[in-house]
Amino acid sequence: MKNPTQLGAVVSRAKARPSRLADAELDHLEKVVRLMARADTYTSIHGLDIAYWRRRVALIESSFELLPIQRSRMKALLASLG
């Protein structure tokens, strides 16, 4: 995966994606975080550590025109990731 800073620069040059498309991304990340919370000890799988998931959340923020409820979901995800 490319560096999130590079990805953010690419997105900032283009128009942000519509908020309706962000829900699928948020749904996926919420499922992942729930699964991680169920495990007694989270072990990263093939580099998918907590930092990776934080970058994924940050990428949503920089890639989409988010609605307030989506921003709340994003903040809750970040809080769950510690």
Protein backbone atom coordinates (compact mmCIF):
# COMPACT_ATOMS: atom_id res chain seq x y z
CA MET A 1 0.00 0.00 0.00
CA LYS A 2 1.19 3.50 -0.74
CA ASN A 3 2.14 5.88 2.01
CA PRO A 4 -1.07 7.52 3.35
CA THR A 5 0.54 10.95 3.00
CA GLN A 6 1.02 10.29 -0.69
CA LEU A 7 -2.53 9.02 -0.99
CA GLY A 8 -3.88 12.13 0.74
CA ALA A 9 -1.99 14.33 -1.70
CA VAL A 10 -3.49 12.47 -4.64
CA VAL A 11 -6.99 12.78 -3.21
CA SER A 12 -6.60 16.47 -2.38
CA ARG A 13 -5.85 17.20 -6.01
CA ALA A 14 -9.04 15.47 -7.07
CA LYS A 15 -12.52 16.15 -5.81
CA ALA A 16 -13.36 14.25 -2.64
CA ARG A 17 -15.62 11.25 -3.11
CA PRO A 18 -19.30 11.61 -2.14
CA SER A 19 -20.32 10.83 1.43
CA ARG A 20 -22.70 8.06 0.35
CA LEU A 21 -19.67 5.97 -0.64
CA ALA A 22 -18.00 6.35 2.74
CA ASP A 23 -20.56 4.18 4.55
CA ALA A 24 -19.25 0.95 3.01
CA GLU A 25 -15.70 1.82 4.11
CA LEU A 26 -16.86 2.72 7.62
CA ASP A 27 -18.95 -0.47 7.85
CA HIS A 28 -15.90 -2.56 6.97
CA LEU A 29 -13.65 -0.85 9.48
CA GLU A 30 -16.26 -1.12 12.23
CA LYS A 31 -16.49 -4.88 11.62
CA VAL A 32 -12.72 -5.25 11.78
CA VAL A 33 -12.49 -3.28 15.01
CA ARG A 34 -15.29 -5.37 16.58
CA LEU A 35 -13.43 -8.56 15.65
CA MET A 36 -10.21 -7.18 17.10
CA ALA A 37 -12.02 -6.30 20.33
CA ARG A 38 -13.35 -9.86 20.68
CA ALA A 39 -9.89 -11.37 20.54
CA ASP A 40 -8.13 -11.64 23.90
CA THR A 41 -4.93 -10.40 22.31
CA TYR A 42 -4.84 -8.80 18.91
CA THR A 43 -2.07 -10.11 16.69
CA SER A 44 -1.36 -8.26 13.47
CA ILE A 45 -1.86 -10.33 10.37
CA HIS A 46 0.49 -9.68 7.46
CA GLY A 47 1.24 -6.12 8.57
CA LEU A 48 -2.36 -5.25 9.43
CA ASP A 49 -1.46 -3.78 12.80
CA ILE A 50 -3.27 -1.06 14.73
CA ALA A 51 -1.29 1.66 12.91
CA TYR A 52 -2.53 0.28 9.58
CA TRP A 53 -6.16 0.51 10.70
CA ARG A 54 -5.63 4.06 11.98
CA ARG A 55 -4.23 5.01 8.57
CA ARG A 56 -7.30 3.48 6.92
CA VAL A 57 -9.57 5.65 9.07
CA ALA A 58 -7.47 8.74 8.26
CA LEU A 59 -7.72 7.92 4.57
CA ILE A 60 -11.50 7.93 4.81
CA GLU A 61 -11.39 11.40 6.34
CA SER A 62 -9.17 12.72 3.58
CA SER A 63 -10.93 10.92 0.72
CA PHE A 64 -14.61 11.59 1.32
CA GLU A 65 -16.95 14.51 1.89
CA LEU A 66 -18.19 13.22 5.24
CA LEU A 67 -21.47 13.96 6.95
CA PRO A 68 -21.45 14.75 10.67
CA ILE A 69 -22.71 11.25 11.57
CA GLN A 70 -19.91 9.73 9.50
CA ARG A 71 -17.35 11.89 11.29
CA SER A 72 -18.78 10.63 14.59
CA ARG A 73 -18.40 7.03 13.44
CA MET A 74 -14.84 7.77 12.39
CA LYS A 75 -14.00 9.30 15.78
CA ALA A 76 -15.50 6.27 17.54
CA LEU A 77 -13.34 3.98 15.40
CA LEU A 78 -10.21 5.91 16.31
CA ALA A 79 -11.17 5.77 19.99
CA SER A 80 -11.67 2.01 19.74
CA LEU A 81 -8.24 1.64 18.17
CA GLY A 82 -6.67 3.46 21.13
